[in-house]
């Protein structure tokens, strides 16, 4: 199974079990983001990310160029506690 298919199935599972209030809130938030114009300002697939450095979970500093020298990089943003 490829990633798009796995994500589609995960979304279907979530929609089946999530309360309607949660689905409505998420839908409105998604619509608000789309209408804000933020999508047009975001990097798109194939765009080159700007160089950056950040602290890893173990406290060391990671640099994008150093990580790219090792191979492809996947960026994951964790929002933290709700």
C-alpha atoms as a PDB file:
ATOM      1  CA  UNK A   1       0.000   0.000   0.000  1.00  0.00           C
ATOM      2  CA  UNK A   2       1.349   3.425  -0.909  1.00  0.00           C
ATOM      3  CA  UNK A   3       1.225   6.507   1.311  1.00  0.00           C
ATOM      4  CA  UNK A   4      -1.755   8.243  -0.361  1.00  0.00           C
ATOM      5  CA  UNK A   5      -3.820   5.072  -0.018  1.00  0.00           C
ATOM      6  CA  UNK A   6      -2.785   4.595   3.623  1.00  0.00           C
ATOM      7  CA  UNK A   7      -3.708   8.205   4.394  1.00  0.00           C
ATOM      8  CA  UNK A   8      -7.072   7.841   2.647  1.00  0.00           C
ATOM      9  CA  UNK A   9      -7.880   4.743   4.702  1.00  0.00           C
ATOM     10  CA  UNK A  10      -6.780   6.436   7.941  1.00  0.00           C
ATOM     11  CA  UNK A  11      -9.018   9.408   7.167  1.00  0.00           C
ATOM     12  CA  UNK A  12     -11.970   7.125   6.445  1.00  0.00           C
ATOM     13  CA  UNK A  13     -11.453   5.352   9.791  1.00  0.00           C
ATOM     14  CA  UNK A  14     -11.293   8.674  11.620  1.00  0.00           C
ATOM     15  CA  UNK A  15     -14.423  10.043   9.947  1.00  0.00           C
ATOM     16  CA  UNK A  16     -16.379   6.899  10.908  1.00  0.00           C
ATOM     17  CA  UNK A  17     -15.587   7.227  14.619  1.00  0.00           C
ATOM     18  CA  UNK A  18     -15.203  10.987  15.193  1.00  0.00           C
ATOM     19  CA  UNK A  19     -18.081  12.940  16.751  1.00  0.00           C
ATOM     20  CA  UNK A  20     -19.944  15.234  14.348  1.00  0.00           C
ATOM     21  CA  UNK A  21     -18.900  18.272  16.410  1.00  0.00           C
ATOM     22  CA  UNK A  22     -15.226  17.411  15.874  1.00  0.00           C
ATOM     23  CA  UNK A  23     -15.693  16.852  12.144  1.00  0.00           C
ATOM     24  CA  UNK A  24     -17.573  20.162  11.843  1.00  0.00           C
ATOM     25  CA  UNK A  25     -14.883  22.077  13.739  1.00  0.00           C
ATOM     26  CA  UNK A  26     -12.104  20.536  11.668  1.00  0.00           C
ATOM     27  CA  UNK A  27     -13.993  21.223   8.445  1.00  0.00           C
ATOM     28  CA  UNK A  28     -14.486  24.888   9.362  1.00  0.00           C
ATOM     29  CA  UNK A  29     -10.822  25.263  10.334  1.00  0.00           C
ATOM     30  CA  UNK A  30      -9.736  23.709   7.034  1.00  0.00           C
ATOM     31  CA  UNK A  31     -12.044  26.027   5.108  1.00  0.00           C
ATOM     32  CA  UNK A  32     -10.757  29.074   7.010  1.00  0.00           C
ATOM     33  CA  UNK A  33      -7.158  28.136   6.245  1.00  0.00           C
ATOM     34  CA  UNK A  34      -7.931  27.649   2.554  1.00  0.00           C
ATOM     35  CA  UNK A  35      -9.690  31.026   2.382  1.00  0.00           C
ATOM     36  CA  UNK A  36      -6.847  32.802   4.197  1.00  0.00           C
ATOM     37  CA  UNK A  37      -4.512  32.463   1.211  1.00  0.00           C
ATOM     38  CA  UNK A  38      -1.886  30.656   3.278  1.00  0.00           C
ATOM     39  CA  UNK A  39      -1.770  27.705   0.871  1.00  0.00           C
ATOM     40  CA  UNK A  40      -0.483  29.908  -1.933  1.00  0.00           C
ATOM     41  CA  UNK A  41       2.367  31.068   0.336  1.00  0.00           C
ATOM     42  CA  UNK A  42       3.440  27.560   1.372  1.00  0.00           C
ATOM     43  CA  UNK A  43       6.145  25.487  -0.219  1.00  0.00           C
ATOM     44  CA  UNK A  44       4.667  23.181  -2.803  1.00  0.00           C
ATOM     45  CA  UNK A  45       5.789  19.670  -3.740  1.00  0.00           C
ATOM     46  CA  UNK A  46       9.098  19.978  -5.550  1.00  0.00           C
ATOM     47  CA  UNK A  47       9.975  23.385  -4.061  1.00  0.00           C
ATOM     48  CA  UNK A  48      13.336  23.743  -2.367  1.00  0.00           C
ATOM     49  CA  UNK A  49      13.135  24.390   1.380  1.00  0.00           C
ATOM     50  CA  UNK A  50      15.227  27.263   2.730  1.00  0.00           C
ATOM     51  CA  UNK A  51      18.263  26.367   4.830  1.00  0.00           C
ATOM     52  CA  UNK A  52      17.479  26.118   8.536  1.00  0.00           C
ATOM     53  CA  UNK A  53      18.802  24.670  11.769  1.00  0.00           C
ATOM     54  CA  UNK A  54      16.801  23.372  14.697  1.00  0.00           C
ATOM     55  CA  UNK A  55      17.190  21.454  17.927  1.00  0.00           C
ATOM     56  CA  UNK A  56      16.466  17.739  17.746  1.00  0.00           C
ATOM     57  CA  UNK A  57      14.650  15.788  20.439  1.00  0.00           C
ATOM     58  CA  UNK A  58      18.002  14.896  22.028  1.00  0.00           C
ATOM     59  CA  UNK A  59      19.102  18.551  22.146  1.00  0.00           C
ATOM     60  CA  UNK A  60      21.638  18.408  19.317  1.00  0.00           C
ATOM     61  CA  UNK A  61      21.384  20.936  16.488  1.00  0.00           C
ATOM     62  CA  UNK A  62      20.403  19.685  13.048  1.00  0.00           C
ATOM     63  CA  UNK A  63      21.125  21.588   9.822  1.00  0.00           C
ATOM     64  CA  UNK A  64      19.067  20.918   6.720  1.00  0.00           C
ATOM     65  CA  UNK A  65      22.063  20.852   4.365  1.00  0.00           C
ATOM     66  CA  UNK A  66      23.886  18.322   6.569  1.00  0.00           C
ATOM     67  CA  UNK A  67      20.854  16.059   6.674  1.00  0.00           C
ATOM     68  CA  UNK A  68      20.270  16.344   2.905  1.00  0.00           C
ATOM     69  CA  UNK A  69      23.869  15.221   2.339  1.00  0.00           C
ATOM     70  CA  UNK A  70      22.832  11.891   3.905  1.00  0.00           C
ATOM     71  CA  UNK A  71      19.781  11.476   1.651  1.00  0.00           C
ATOM     72  CA  UNK A  72      16.144  12.595   1.378  1.00  0.00           C
ATOM     73  CA  UNK A  73      14.682  14.490   4.335  1.00  0.00           C
ATOM     74  CA  UNK A  74      11.130  14.344   5.663  1.00  0.00           C
ATOM     75  CA  UNK A  75      10.033  17.235   7.845  1.00  0.00           C
ATOM     76  CA  UNK A  76       7.450  16.533  10.504  1.00  0.00           C
ATOM     77  CA  UNK A  77       5.952  19.309  12.578  1.00  0.00           C
ATOM     78  CA  UNK A  78       4.603  18.370  15.982  1.00  0.00           C
ATOM     79  CA  UNK A  79       2.182  20.891  17.396  1.00  0.00           C
ATOM     80  CA  UNK A  80       2.694  19.711  20.958  1.00  0.00           C
ATOM     81  CA  UNK A  81       0.124  19.270  23.694  1.00  0.00           C
ATOM     82  CA  UNK A  82      -3.381  20.518  23.149  1.00  0.00           C
END
